[in-house]
Amino acid sequence: MTQIRTITLTTIAMLAFAANSLLTRQALGEGAIDAASFGALRVVSGAVMLAIILALRGNRQPGQGGWRAALGLIAYIVGFSFAYLSLAAGTGALILFGVVQLTMFGAALRSGERFGMGSWAGLALALGGLVYLMAPGIDAPDPFGAVLMVIAGIGWGIYSLLGRAATDALAATARNFLLATPVLLLLAVVFVGQAHLTAWGAILAILSGALASGCGYVVWYAALRGLSAGKAGIVQLTVPVIAALGGAIFLSEPLTQRLLIASIITLGGVALVLVQRNRV
């Protein structure tokens, strides 16, 4: 794979991941759809798109998946959807990304990996940045929304860790989306009393599931062939930044001083850990 192709695919994937935050926040912030319906439509459209891609690739059915991975995916989608009822796009993306990385670093420590002083300093910075972001104050994010996004981040971190063992990541992702579908549909039924669905809200949910999620994962898996593990982690640092800028440009969300400072501290800390681990 040429370097230009890798850069192109990586850029598209990062834009797609950031678009999930923007699409979700736009749909829920405008009240175009309720959170449960958004999550259900997102996972259904994602499952359909992934099934189509697999069929075009020659796979007759999704690959091996598991309920543990599916539960991680469910926790991510539910937490993500309900959190964006109150969180700005950039704030939500920063919490999500920070918690995902901390979850994966925690798993590495549990497995016996040793961190040097530089890595520990980076972990402390990343955690401190998130604590600063969510600390009480006039421009602090909604506490309940922040907690829900933390749950989403833990779910996605666990899902990512389990996905490393998959021999065919794309097929396994399709299988996990399929397993998550009935649970998300059941959740929509449970919250039917709060259901509010407009055509625009449905379109945003489908775009999030089919394009930003389904196609986004396909592009990302293709990009990973040309990226080392360290580079793959570092390039994901751009997602919260893109989401924050996109929120300011397209959703007229303010770039608060708290968000800017927290982003520098958190992403800087994560980058320090990734660089230190990549040297080992």
Protein backbone atom coordinates (compact mmCIF):
# COMPACT_ATOMS: atom_id res chain seq x y z
CA MET A 1 0.00 0.00 0.00
CA THR A 2 1.41 3.40 -0.96
CA GLN A 3 1.89 6.06 1.70
CA ILE A 4 -0.52 8.42 -0.09
CA ARG A 5 -3.25 5.77 -0.05
CA THR A 6 -2.69 5.09 3.65
CA ILE A 7 -2.89 8.81 4.45
CA THR A 8 -6.05 9.19 2.37
CA LEU A 9 -7.81 6.21 3.95
CA THR A 10 -6.77 7.27 7.45
CA THR A 11 -8.07 10.80 6.89
CA ILE A 12 -11.42 9.52 5.62
CA ALA A 13 -11.73 7.15 8.59
CA MET A 14 -10.99 9.88 11.15
CA LEU A 15 -13.55 12.17 9.48
CA ALA A 16 -16.10 9.35 9.62
CA PHE A 17 -15.47 8.71 13.33
CA ALA A 18 -15.79 12.42 14.13
CA ALA A 19 -18.94 12.56 11.97
CA ASN A 20 -20.61 10.09 14.34
CA SER A 21 -20.40 12.68 17.12
CA LEU A 22 -21.64 15.49 14.85
CA LEU A 23 -24.53 13.51 13.37
CA THR A 24 -25.66 12.22 16.75
CA ARG A 25 -25.44 15.61 18.43
CA GLN A 26 -27.25 17.32 15.56
CA ALA A 27 -30.09 14.80 15.59
CA LEU A 28 -30.56 14.77 19.36
CA GLY A 29 -29.70 18.41 20.00
CA GLU A 30 -32.34 19.53 17.54
CA GLY A 31 -34.89 17.09 18.96
CA ALA A 32 -35.30 15.47 15.54
CA ILE A 33 -35.33 11.99 17.11
CA ASP A 34 -35.22 10.40 20.55
CA ALA A 35 -32.04 8.69 21.77
CA ALA A 36 -33.43 5.13 21.85
CA SER A 37 -34.77 5.34 18.29
CA PHE A 38 -31.51 6.89 17.11
CA GLY A 39 -29.47 4.05 18.62
CA ALA A 40 -31.76 1.41 17.13
CA LEU A 41 -31.68 2.93 13.65
CA ARG A 42 -27.93 3.37 13.85
CA VAL A 43 -27.22 -0.25 14.70
CA VAL A 44 -29.77 -1.62 12.19
CA SER A 45 -28.45 0.51 9.32
CA GLY A 46 -24.88 -0.34 10.32
CA ALA A 47 -25.68 -4.06 10.33
CA VAL A 48 -27.35 -3.83 6.91
CA MET A 49 -24.45 -1.88 5.40
CA LEU A 50 -21.85 -4.28 6.79
CA ALA A 51 -23.85 -7.26 5.50
CA ILE A 52 -23.95 -5.69 2.03
CA ILE A 53 -20.20 -5.04 2.09
CA LEU A 54 -19.51 -8.62 3.17
CA ALA A 55 -21.76 -9.93 0.41
CA LEU A 56 -19.91 -7.84 -2.17
CA ARG A 57 -16.66 -9.20 -0.76
CA GLY A 58 -17.90 -12.74 -1.21
CA ASN A 59 -18.81 -13.59 2.39
CA ARG A 60 -22.14 -15.36 2.61
CA GLN A 61 -22.61 -14.63 6.30
CA PRO A 62 -21.04 -12.52 9.09
CA GLY A 63 -17.99 -13.92 10.81
CA GLN A 64 -17.48 -15.13 14.33
CA GLY A 65 -18.71 -12.73 16.97
CA GLY A 66 -19.45 -13.08 20.64
CA TRP A 67 -21.89 -11.79 23.22
CA ARG A 68 -19.14 -10.16 25.27
CA ALA A 69 -18.11 -8.04 22.31
CA ALA A 70 -21.75 -7.39 21.42
CA LEU A 71 -22.46 -6.21 24.99
CA GLY A 72 -19.52 -3.82 24.73
CA LEU A 73 -20.96 -2.51 21.47
CA ILE A 74 -24.40 -2.14 23.05
CA ALA A 75 -22.97 -0.21 26.03
CA TYR A 76 -21.16 2.08 23.59
CA ILE A 77 -24.15 2.81 21.35
CA VAL A 78 -26.63 3.29 24.22
CA GLY A 79 -24.30 5.47 26.28
CA PHE A 80 -23.22 7.45 23.20
CA SER A 81 -26.79 8.09 22.06
CA PHE A 82 -28.20 9.20 25.42
CA ALA A 83 -25.09 11.22 26.34
CA TYR A 84 -25.49 13.43 23.29
CA LEU A 85 -28.84 14.62 24.53
CA SER A 86 -26.84 17.05 26.66
CA LEU A 87 -23.18 17.03 25.61
CA ALA A 88 -21.59 19.15 22.89
CA ALA A 89 -19.99 17.21 20.04
CA GLY A 90 -16.39 18.02 20.95
CA THR A 91 -16.88 17.47 24.68
CA GLY A 92 -18.50 14.08 24.11
CA ALA A 93 -15.79 12.99 21.67
CA LEU A 94 -13.02 13.97 24.09
CA ILE A 95 -14.58 12.07 27.00
CA LEU A 96 -15.23 9.05 24.78
CA PHE A 97 -11.77 8.95 23.28
CA GLY A 98 -10.00 9.57 26.59
CA VAL A 99 -11.92 6.84 28.39
CA VAL A 100 -11.41 4.36 25.52
CA GLN A 101 -7.65 4.86 25.67
CA LEU A 102 -7.55 4.70 29.48
CA THR A 103 -9.57 1.46 29.36
CA MET A 104 -7.11 -0.07 26.90
CA PHE A 105 -4.12 1.12 28.91
CA GLY A 106 -5.68 -0.38 32.04
CA ALA A 107 -6.08 -3.70 30.26
CA ALA A 108 -2.42 -3.57 29.23
CA LEU A 109 -1.37 -3.03 32.84
CA ARG A 110 -3.59 -5.88 33.99
CA SER A 111 -2.03 -8.20 31.43
CA GLY A 112 1.39 -7.53 32.93
CA GLU A 113 2.74 -4.86 30.59
CA ARG A 114 5.18 -2.57 32.38
CA PHE A 115 4.95 1.18 31.94
CA GLY A 116 7.92 3.50 32.33
CA MET A 117 7.89 6.85 34.11
CA GLY A 118 7.01 8.64 30.89
CA SER A 119 3.95 6.42 30.35
CA TRP A 120 2.78 6.89 33.94
CA ALA A 121 3.17 10.65 33.53
CA GLY A 122 1.09 10.49 30.36
CA LEU A 123 -1.61 8.44 32.07
CA ALA A 124 -1.75 10.95 34.93
CA LEU A 125 -2.05 13.83 32.45
CA ALA A 126 -4.82 12.12 30.46
CA LEU A 127 -6.82 11.30 33.57
CA GLY A 128 -6.23 14.77 34.97
CA GLY A 129 -7.48 16.36 31.76
CA LEU A 130 -10.72 14.40 31.92
CA VAL A 131 -11.17 15.23 35.61
CA TYR A 132 -10.63 18.91 34.84
CA LEU A 133 -13.15 18.76 31.98
CA MET A 134 -15.86 17.21 34.15
CA ALA A 135 -15.14 19.16 37.36
CA PRO A 136 -18.03 21.35 38.60
CA GLY A 137 -18.11 24.83 37.15
CA ILE A 138 -20.12 27.24 35.05
CA ASP A 139 -19.04 25.67 31.75
CA ALA A 140 -18.79 22.06 32.95
CA PRO A 141 -20.59 19.42 30.87
CA ASP A 142 -23.82 17.89 32.13
CA PRO A 143 -22.77 15.34 34.81
CA PHE A 144 -25.27 12.67 33.77
CA GLY A 145 -24.32 13.03 30.10
CA ALA A 146 -20.64 12.80 31.03
CA VAL A 147 -21.23 9.60 33.03
CA LEU A 148 -23.11 8.06 30.12
CA MET A 149 -20.23 8.90 27.77
CA VAL A 150 -17.77 7.35 30.23
CA ILE A 151 -19.87 4.16 30.06
CA ALA A 152 -19.80 4.40 26.27
CA GLY A 153 -16.02 4.78 26.34
CA ILE A 154 -15.55 1.75 28.59
CA GLY A 155 -17.87 -0.26 26.34
CA TRP A 156 -15.97 0.73 23.20
CA GLY A 157 -12.63 0.08 24.88
CA ILE A 158 -13.70 -3.44 25.85
CA TYR A 159 -15.15 -3.99 22.38
CA SER A 160 -11.87 -2.90 20.78
CA LEU A 161 -9.81 -5.16 23.05
CA LEU A 162 -11.97 -8.18 22.24
CA GLY A 163 -11.85 -7.32 18.55
CA ARG A 164 -8.08 -7.72 18.45
CA ALA A 165 -8.51 -11.49 18.60
CA ALA A 166 -10.73 -11.59 15.51
CA THR A 167 -9.12 -13.11 12.43
CA ASP A 168 -11.50 -11.12 10.21
CA ALA A 169 -12.29 -7.83 11.98
CA LEU A 170 -14.85 -6.69 9.42
CA ALA A 171 -16.83 -9.94 9.50
CA ALA A 172 -16.72 -9.98 13.31
CA THR A 173 -17.96 -6.39 13.42
CA ALA A 174 -20.89 -7.30 11.17
CA ARG A 175 -21.71 -10.22 13.46
CA ASN A 176 -21.59 -8.03 16.57
CA PHE A 177 -23.82 -5.40 14.99
CA LEU A 178 -26.27 -8.17 14.15
CA LEU A 179 -26.22 -9.47 17.75
CA ALA A 180 -26.72 -5.95 19.11
CA THR A 181 -29.72 -5.22 16.88
CA PRO A 182 -32.50 -7.01 18.87
CA VAL A 183 -31.29 -5.43 22.13
CA LEU A 184 -31.37 -1.91 20.68
CA LEU A 185 -34.79 -2.56 19.14
CA LEU A 186 -36.06 -3.77 22.53
CA LEU A 187 -34.68 -0.62 24.16
CA ALA A 188 -36.59 1.49 21.63
CA VAL A 189 -39.76 -0.38 22.61
CA VAL A 190 -39.07 0.23 26.33
CA PHE A 191 -38.72 3.97 25.64
CA VAL A 192 -41.64 4.09 23.21
CA GLY A 193 -43.40 6.59 25.49
CA GLN A 194 -40.59 9.07 24.74
CA ALA A 195 -40.39 8.21 21.06
CA HIS A 196 -40.10 11.15 18.69
CA LEU A 197 -39.10 10.43 15.13
CA THR A 198 -38.89 12.81 12.20
CA ALA A 199 -37.69 12.07 8.69
CA TRP A 200 -34.61 14.26 9.24
CA GLY A 201 -33.78 12.49 12.49
CA ALA A 202 -34.08 9.09 10.80
CA ILE A 203 -31.80 10.22 7.96
CA LEU A 204 -29.14 11.40 10.42
CA ALA A 205 -29.32 8.08 12.33
CA ILE A 206 -28.99 6.07 9.11
CA LEU A 207 -26.06 8.20 7.95
CA SER A 208 -24.39 7.60 11.32
CA GLY A 209 -24.94 3.84 11.13
CA ALA A 210 -24.48 3.07 7.44
CA LEU A 211 -21.81 5.59 6.44
CA ALA A 212 -19.96 6.94 9.49
CA SER A 213 -20.00 3.54 11.25
CA GLY A 214 -20.34 0.81 8.62
CA CYS A 215 -18.30 2.33 5.82
CA GLY A 216 -16.07 4.12 8.30
CA TYR A 217 -14.94 0.81 9.81
CA VAL A 218 -14.27 -0.67 6.38
CA VAL A 219 -12.03 2.27 5.47
CA TRP A 220 -10.28 2.13 8.85
CA TYR A 221 -9.50 -1.58 8.57
CA ALA A 222 -8.04 -0.91 5.12
CA ALA A 223 -5.93 1.94 6.49
CA LEU A 224 -4.61 -0.22 9.34
CA ARG A 225 -2.71 -2.34 6.81
CA GLY A 226 -0.34 0.57 6.33
CA LEU A 227 -0.14 1.75 9.96
CA SER A 228 1.81 0.44 12.92
CA ALA A 229 -0.07 0.01 16.21
CA GLY A 230 1.58 3.13 17.59
CA LYS A 231 0.70 5.27 14.59
CA ALA A 232 -2.86 3.93 14.59
CA GLY A 233 -3.29 5.07 18.17
CA ILE A 234 -1.73 8.48 17.59
CA VAL A 235 -3.80 9.37 14.51
CA GLN A 236 -6.97 8.78 16.52
CA LEU A 237 -5.97 11.80 18.62
CA THR A 238 -7.37 13.88 15.79
CA VAL A 239 -10.95 12.65 16.24
CA PRO A 240 -11.92 14.82 19.25
CA VAL A 241 -10.26 17.83 17.62
CA ILE A 242 -12.16 17.32 14.37
CA ALA A 243 -15.40 16.83 16.30
CA ALA A 244 -14.86 20.01 18.32
CA LEU A 245 -14.07 22.06 15.21
CA GLY A 246 -16.99 20.50 13.35
CA GLY A 247 -19.30 21.28 16.25
CA ALA A 248 -18.19 24.91 16.21
CA ILE A 249 -18.54 25.25 12.42
CA PHE A 250 -21.67 23.21 11.71
CA LEU A 251 -23.55 23.22 15.02
CA SER A 252 -22.50 26.64 16.35
CA GLU A 253 -21.16 25.07 19.54
CA PRO A 254 -18.68 27.19 21.55
CA LEU A 255 -15.04 26.17 21.86
CA THR A 256 -14.81 26.87 25.58
CA GLN A 257 -11.55 27.52 27.39
CA ARG A 258 -12.22 24.46 29.56
CA LEU A 259 -12.60 22.20 26.50
CA LEU A 260 -9.46 23.57 24.85
CA ILE A 261 -7.33 23.15 27.99
CA ALA A 262 -8.76 19.69 28.74
CA SER A 263 -8.12 18.62 25.13
CA ILE A 264 -4.48 19.69 25.26
CA ILE A 265 -3.88 17.94 28.59
CA THR A 266 -5.83 14.75 27.81
CA LEU A 267 -4.66 14.24 24.22
CA GLY A 268 -1.12 15.24 25.14
CA GLY A 269 -1.11 12.65 27.91
CA VAL A 270 -2.44 9.94 25.63
CA ALA A 271 0.12 10.84 22.96
CA LEU A 272 2.92 10.58 25.54
CA VAL A 273 1.81 7.09 26.56
CA LEU A 274 1.48 5.95 22.95
CA VAL A 275 4.92 7.27 22.05
CA GLN A 276 6.53 5.64 25.10
CA ARG A 277 4.84 2.28 24.42
CA ASN A 278 5.81 2.43 20.75
CA ARG A 279 9.48 2.72 21.76
CA VAL A 280 9.38 -0.50 23.79
